[in-house]
Amino acid sequence: MIFTDWEGPWVLTDFAFELANAIFNNPRFFSNLSVYDDYLAYEKKKRGYEAGYTLKLLVPFFVAFEIRNKDVEEIAKSLTFFIRDAKISMDFIQKNWKVAVISTSYNQFLKISASKLGFRGFLHGTEIDFDSIEINDELKEELKNSIDLIASLRDEELYKYLDELFERREIKEILDKVKVIGAGEKAKILKYYCKLFDIDFPIAIGDSISDYKMFKTARKLGGIAIAFNGNKYALENADIAIVSDSAIAEAVVVYVLNKYGVNALKDLNQRIPEELKEIYKKSNTKVYLLENSDFEMVLKESQNMRVKLRGSAGMLG
């Protein structure tokens, strides 16, 4: 069975990033919230907090700007951009294996984008009903006015301000309404399906900090972790790194792993299925077994491709 993140391996769009920019018109705000997310999950290791909870932290600010479900859905329709050959690759994978998409993305975006790609498997995303949340005008104005301030802060000042903000009772009440999919939830969902379907070789695909626990769980259960244009957090916990401008590389690697095993990746070009050969040849792809590779070199190549394809979103954790 294949378990995959959505944004990065299949979708170029970082929807939360794009939605925040469209509403707040301040890219630094989202970047700082993402830095805070990395800090809480990977450095402070705050109890009960998981990497990827940026999607949860954003909700009070969206509510302050009176964002509703239909607004998110309309923006999702216009902001869905897939990585090259995504449909061909996903169709091939779905034809041969069960697939679960496990994403931090808001369900509104996940369902719309997955439908566009013709995805037929299991979908798991962050659940939030924006229509059900109301806050008073005073809190709305305070949150709106905090956008530029948060964008201006750095390091300890940023962490202190956000710690205090998110500990407030009225903010906590909003956060409690979000059923978020973060790193821990991704790992639990993978484990659930492995038990349900008696999977003994799970393949996990991801690209960022929210995937590292899913990677660890897949490996612990006898499977493989694949970083697709991964950042440092993903690569540190992966077995295989794919650096590519095309999603076809994912179908090829998944096929070779399932049919021939890990060592066959050393002769990958001799194992490509006939129906994917021509498309794969046109891609700019490198595949690395990380235990035998120069990590810093792979990280640099992966990060460069990540930024080339996804722009500013590629710099996020």
Protein backbone atom coordinates (compact mmCIF):
# COMPACT_ATOMS: atom_id res chain seq x y z
CA MET A 1 0.00 0.00 0.00
CA ILE A 2 1.16 3.53 -0.79
CA PHE A 3 0.83 6.34 1.74
CA THR A 4 1.53 9.80 0.42
CA ASP A 5 1.52 13.45 1.33
CA TRP A 6 -0.32 15.65 -1.18
CA GLU A 7 1.27 19.09 -1.43
CA GLY A 8 4.80 18.60 -2.71
CA PRO A 9 4.72 15.09 -4.15
CA TRP A 10 1.60 15.74 -6.28
CA VAL A 11 0.46 19.32 -5.92
CA LEU A 12 2.72 22.33 -6.42
CA THR A 13 0.36 24.53 -4.45
CA ASP A 14 0.93 25.09 -0.75
CA PHE A 15 -2.71 25.96 -0.23
CA ALA A 16 -2.49 27.34 3.30
CA PHE A 17 0.41 29.57 2.21
CA GLU A 18 -1.48 30.79 -0.86
CA LEU A 19 -4.73 31.28 1.05
CA ALA A 20 -2.95 33.26 3.77
CA ASN A 21 -1.24 35.45 1.19
CA ALA A 22 -4.51 36.06 -0.62
CA ILE A 23 -6.26 37.10 2.60
CA PHE A 24 -3.50 38.82 4.60
CA ASN A 25 -1.23 40.09 1.80
CA ASN A 26 1.83 39.47 3.99
CA PRO A 27 4.01 36.44 3.05
CA ARG A 28 6.26 36.97 6.05
CA PHE A 29 3.34 36.34 8.40
CA PHE A 30 2.83 32.79 7.13
CA SER A 31 6.58 32.18 7.05
CA ASN A 32 6.90 33.20 10.71
CA LEU A 33 3.96 31.02 11.71
CA SER A 34 5.63 28.11 9.91
CA VAL A 35 8.92 28.81 11.74
CA TYR A 36 6.99 28.77 15.02
CA ASP A 37 5.41 25.43 14.03
CA ASP A 38 8.88 23.95 13.34
CA TYR A 39 10.15 25.33 16.65
CA LEU A 40 7.32 23.85 18.73
CA ALA A 41 7.43 20.44 17.03
CA TYR A 42 11.11 19.83 16.34
CA GLU A 43 13.01 21.96 18.88
CA LYS A 44 10.82 22.59 21.92
CA LYS A 45 8.93 19.31 21.36
CA LYS A 46 5.87 20.77 23.05
CA ARG A 47 3.65 18.08 24.53
CA GLY A 48 0.59 17.41 22.36
CA TYR A 49 1.91 19.51 19.49
CA GLU A 50 2.70 18.01 16.09
CA ALA A 51 4.55 19.32 13.05
CA GLY A 52 2.02 20.60 10.54
CA TYR A 53 -0.24 22.32 13.05
CA THR A 54 0.34 25.61 11.22
CA LEU A 55 -3.00 24.81 9.56
CA LYS A 56 -4.59 24.94 12.99
CA LEU A 57 -2.81 28.10 14.11
CA LEU A 58 -4.03 29.96 11.02
CA VAL A 59 -7.71 29.41 11.70
CA PRO A 60 -8.30 32.26 14.22
CA PHE A 61 -6.83 34.74 11.74
CA PHE A 62 -8.98 33.44 8.87
CA VAL A 63 -12.05 33.69 11.11
CA ALA A 64 -11.14 37.29 11.97
CA PHE A 65 -11.33 38.07 8.24
CA GLU A 66 -14.72 36.31 8.08
CA ILE A 67 -13.57 33.52 5.78
CA ARG A 68 -16.24 30.88 5.12
CA ASN A 69 -16.23 27.40 3.61
CA LYS A 70 -17.41 28.64 0.22
CA ASP A 71 -14.56 31.17 0.12
CA VAL A 72 -11.99 28.44 0.77
CA GLU A 73 -13.60 26.20 -1.86
CA GLU A 74 -13.64 28.93 -4.51
CA ILE A 75 -10.00 29.83 -3.88
CA ALA A 76 -9.11 26.12 -3.96
CA LYS A 77 -10.61 25.77 -7.45
CA SER A 78 -8.39 28.53 -8.79
CA LEU A 79 -5.21 27.65 -6.90
CA THR A 80 -4.76 23.96 -7.72
CA PHE A 81 -1.59 23.34 -9.71
CA PHE A 82 -0.20 19.84 -10.12
CA ILE A 83 3.37 18.74 -10.59
CA ARG A 84 4.06 17.60 -14.17
CA ASP A 85 2.72 14.13 -15.12
CA ALA A 86 0.83 13.86 -11.81
CA LYS A 87 -2.30 12.32 -13.34
CA ILE A 88 -0.40 9.72 -15.40
CA SER A 89 1.66 8.75 -12.36
CA MET A 90 -1.29 8.56 -9.98
CA ASP A 91 -3.39 6.59 -12.47
CA PHE A 92 -0.58 4.03 -12.81
CA ILE A 93 -0.16 3.70 -9.04
CA GLN A 94 -3.90 3.45 -8.37
CA LYS A 95 -4.23 0.73 -11.01
CA ASN A 96 -1.78 -1.46 -9.12
CA TRP A 97 -1.95 -0.58 -5.41
CA LYS A 98 -4.17 0.82 -2.70
CA VAL A 99 -3.35 4.48 -2.03
CA ALA A 100 -4.01 6.71 0.98
CA VAL A 101 -3.39 10.45 0.77
CA ILE A 102 -2.59 11.78 4.25
CA SER A 103 -2.22 15.54 4.20
CA THR A 104 -2.21 18.53 6.51
CA SER A 105 -4.25 20.35 3.82
CA TYR A 106 -7.71 21.64 4.65
CA ASN A 107 -10.28 19.12 3.47
CA GLN A 108 -11.94 21.76 1.29
CA PHE A 109 -8.78 21.99 -0.82
CA LEU A 110 -7.89 18.32 -0.59
CA LYS A 111 -11.24 17.10 -1.92
CA ILE A 112 -11.33 19.57 -4.81
CA SER A 113 -7.74 18.97 -5.92
CA ALA A 114 -7.99 15.17 -5.51
CA SER A 115 -11.14 15.14 -7.61
CA LYS A 116 -9.37 17.09 -10.37
CA LEU A 117 -6.62 14.47 -10.45
CA GLY A 118 -9.08 11.59 -10.50
CA PHE A 119 -7.95 10.23 -7.16
CA ARG A 120 -10.08 7.28 -5.97
CA GLY A 121 -8.33 6.15 -2.79
CA PHE A 122 -8.49 7.10 0.88
CA LEU A 123 -8.34 10.82 1.73
CA HIS A 124 -7.30 12.31 5.07
CA GLY A 125 -6.98 16.05 5.62
CA THR A 126 -7.49 18.75 8.24
CA GLU A 127 -11.16 19.19 9.11
CA ILE A 128 -12.52 22.65 9.91
CA ASP A 129 -15.99 24.09 9.43
CA PHE A 130 -15.34 27.81 9.05
CA ASP A 131 -19.09 28.51 8.95
CA SER A 132 -19.50 27.29 12.53
CA ILE A 133 -17.06 29.73 14.17
CA GLU A 134 -18.04 33.23 15.31
CA ILE A 135 -15.94 35.70 17.32
CA ASN A 136 -16.64 39.18 18.67
CA ASP A 137 -15.62 42.35 16.85
CA GLU A 138 -12.98 43.28 19.41
CA LEU A 139 -11.09 40.01 18.94
CA LYS A 140 -11.47 40.30 15.16
CA GLU A 141 -9.74 43.67 15.15
CA GLU A 142 -7.02 42.52 17.53
CA LEU A 143 -6.20 39.50 15.35
CA LYS A 144 -6.26 41.57 12.16
CA ASN A 145 -3.89 44.12 13.69
CA SER A 146 -1.53 41.39 14.88
CA ILE A 147 -0.72 40.18 11.34
CA ASP A 148 1.95 42.78 10.60
CA LEU A 149 3.34 42.59 14.13
CA ILE A 150 3.81 38.82 13.92
CA ALA A 151 5.47 39.28 10.54
CA SER A 152 7.96 41.73 12.05
CA LEU A 153 9.09 39.57 14.99
CA ARG A 154 12.05 37.19 15.06
CA ASP A 155 13.31 34.29 17.19
CA GLU A 156 12.52 34.53 20.92
CA GLU A 157 10.33 37.61 20.53
CA LEU A 158 8.22 35.75 17.98
CA TYR A 159 7.96 32.61 20.10
CA LYS A 160 7.03 34.56 23.24
CA TYR A 161 4.33 36.60 21.52
CA LEU A 162 2.73 33.57 19.86
CA ASP A 163 2.97 31.45 23.02
CA GLU A 164 0.94 34.08 24.87
CA LEU A 165 -1.55 34.55 22.03
CA PHE A 166 -2.35 30.88 21.58
CA GLU A 167 -2.69 30.29 25.33
CA ARG A 168 -5.60 32.72 25.57
CA ARG A 169 -8.93 31.04 26.35
CA GLU A 170 -10.87 32.55 23.44
CA ILE A 171 -8.16 31.52 20.98
CA LYS A 172 -7.95 28.02 22.44
CA GLU A 173 -11.71 27.64 21.94
CA ILE A 174 -11.24 28.29 18.22
CA LEU A 175 -8.29 25.93 17.94
CA ASP A 176 -10.28 23.17 19.62
CA LYS A 177 -12.69 23.20 16.66
CA VAL A 178 -9.94 22.15 14.25
CA LYS A 179 -9.32 18.43 13.69
CA VAL A 180 -5.84 18.78 12.27
CA ILE A 181 -3.66 16.20 10.53
CA GLY A 182 -0.09 16.72 11.70
CA ALA A 183 2.99 14.49 11.86
CA GLY A 184 1.62 12.30 14.64
CA GLU A 185 -1.76 11.85 13.01
CA LYS A 186 -0.11 10.87 9.71
CA ALA A 187 1.83 8.11 11.48
CA LYS A 188 -1.30 6.83 13.25
CA ILE A 189 -3.30 6.70 10.01
CA LEU A 190 -0.55 4.75 8.24
CA LYS A 191 -0.39 2.32 11.15
CA TYR A 192 -4.19 1.91 11.10
CA TYR A 193 -4.30 0.90 7.43
CA CYS A 194 -1.34 -1.43 7.79
CA LYS A 195 -3.23 -3.29 10.51
CA LEU A 196 -6.56 -3.13 8.64
CA PHE A 197 -5.20 -4.57 5.39
CA ASP A 198 -2.33 -6.60 6.88
CA ILE A 199 0.28 -4.53 5.02
CA ASP A 200 3.86 -5.68 5.63
CA PHE A 201 5.63 -3.36 3.15
CA PRO A 202 4.17 0.16 3.44
CA ILE A 203 5.67 2.78 1.15
CA ALA A 204 5.47 6.36 2.46
CA ILE A 205 6.05 9.40 0.23
CA GLY A 206 6.48 12.91 1.60
CA ASP A 207 8.56 16.04 1.45
CA SER A 208 8.50 17.98 4.71
CA ILE A 209 8.59 18.09 8.49
CA SER A 210 4.99 16.90 8.80
CA ASP A 211 6.00 13.59 7.17
CA TYR A 212 8.87 12.57 9.43
CA LYS A 213 6.82 10.48 11.87
CA MET A 214 5.00 8.76 9.01
CA PHE A 215 8.41 7.93 7.56
CA LYS A 216 9.65 6.52 10.87
CA THR A 217 6.51 4.41 11.28
CA ALA A 218 6.68 3.02 7.74
CA ARG A 219 10.29 1.97 8.28
CA LYS A 220 9.51 0.47 11.68
CA LEU A 221 6.77 -1.65 10.08
CA GLY A 222 9.16 -3.03 7.47
CA GLY A 223 8.51 -0.51 4.74
CA ILE A 224 10.27 2.30 2.92
CA ALA A 225 10.26 6.10 3.25
CA ILE A 226 10.67 8.21 0.09
CA ALA A 227 11.42 11.92 0.17
CA PHE A 228 10.22 13.57 -3.04
CA ASN A 229 12.07 16.89 -3.44
CA GLY A 230 12.29 16.74 0.32
CA ASN A 231 13.61 19.31 2.74
CA LYS A 232 16.05 18.55 5.53
CA TYR A 233 13.43 17.14 7.90
CA ALA A 234 12.11 14.69 5.30
CA LEU A 235 15.53 13.59 4.03
CA GLU A 236 16.86 12.96 7.55
CA ASN A 237 14.15 10.33 8.04
CA ALA A 238 13.97 8.81 4.53
CA ASP A 239 15.53 5.77 2.87
CA ILE A 240 15.25 7.09 -0.68
CA ALA A 241 15.43 10.56 -2.15
CA ILE A 242 13.80 11.45 -5.45
CA VAL A 243 14.84 14.74 -7.00
CA SER A 244 12.61 15.34 -10.00
CA ASP A 245 10.52 17.80 -11.97
CA SER A 246 7.97 15.09 -12.74
CA ALA A 247 5.63 12.95 -10.65
CA ILE A 248 6.32 10.07 -13.03
CA ALA A 249 9.42 9.37 -10.93
CA GLU A 250 7.16 8.38 -8.04
CA ALA A 251 5.32 5.77 -10.14
CA VAL A 252 8.60 4.35 -11.44
CA VAL A 253 10.23 4.09 -8.00
CA VAL A 254 7.10 2.60 -6.42
CA TYR A 255 6.91 0.02 -9.23
CA VAL A 256 10.57 -1.00 -8.93
CA LEU A 257 10.40 -1.23 -5.14
CA ASN A 258 7.33 -3.46 -5.20
CA LYS A 259 8.45 -5.69 -8.06
CA TYR A 260 12.21 -5.96 -7.57
CA GLY A 261 13.17 -4.55 -4.14
CA VAL A 262 15.36 -1.70 -2.93
CA ASN A 263 18.62 -2.86 -4.47
CA ALA A 264 17.06 -2.76 -7.95
CA LEU A 265 17.02 1.04 -7.70
CA LYS A 266 20.74 0.93 -8.49
CA ASP A 267 19.75 -0.24 -11.99
CA LEU A 268 16.56 1.78 -12.13
CA ASN A 269 16.77 2.60 -15.85
CA GLN A 270 16.70 -1.12 -16.67
CA ARG A 271 13.52 -1.70 -14.66
CA ILE A 272 11.16 1.03 -15.87
CA PRO A 273 7.77 -0.33 -17.01
CA GLU A 274 7.27 0.00 -20.77
CA GLU A 275 4.27 2.30 -20.55
CA LEU A 276 6.22 4.86 -18.49
CA LYS A 277 9.57 4.79 -20.29
CA GLU A 278 9.10 7.66 -22.71
CA ILE A 279 7.62 9.97 -20.09
CA TYR A 280 10.37 9.13 -17.61
CA LYS A 281 13.07 9.83 -20.19
CA LYS A 282 11.72 13.36 -20.62
CA SER A 283 11.90 14.07 -16.90
CA ASN A 284 14.83 15.50 -15.01
CA THR A 285 15.13 12.83 -12.33
CA LYS A 286 17.73 11.55 -9.89
CA VAL A 287 17.10 8.78 -7.36
CA TYR A 288 19.36 8.25 -4.35
CA LEU A 289 19.69 5.51 -1.75
CA LEU A 290 20.46 7.81 1.13
CA GLU A 291 22.61 5.41 3.16
CA ASN A 292 25.06 5.32 0.23
CA SER A 293 24.88 9.01 -0.72
CA ASP A 294 26.44 12.31 0.23
CA PHE A 295 23.61 13.74 2.34
CA GLU A 296 24.58 17.39 1.96
CA MET A 297 24.83 17.06 -1.82
CA VAL A 298 21.41 15.37 -2.04
CA LEU A 299 19.90 17.98 0.29
CA LYS A 300 21.21 20.80 -1.89
CA GLU A 301 19.89 19.22 -5.10
CA SER A 302 16.55 18.41 -3.49
CA GLN A 303 16.13 21.88 -2.02
CA ASN A 304 17.03 23.52 -5.34
CA MET A 305 14.42 21.47 -7.20
CA ARG A 306 11.91 22.13 -4.44
CA VAL A 307 12.30 25.89 -4.77
CA LYS A 308 12.43 25.76 -8.57
CA LEU A 309 9.05 24.02 -8.70
CA ARG A 310 7.27 25.61 -5.73
CA GLY A 311 8.85 29.03 -5.29
CA SER A 312 8.63 30.56 -1.81
CA ALA A 313 6.56 27.62 -0.54
CA GLY A 314 9.58 25.40 -1.18
CA MET A 315 11.52 27.21 1.53
CA LEU A 316 9.03 26.30 4.25
CA GLY A 317 9.53 23.48 6.75
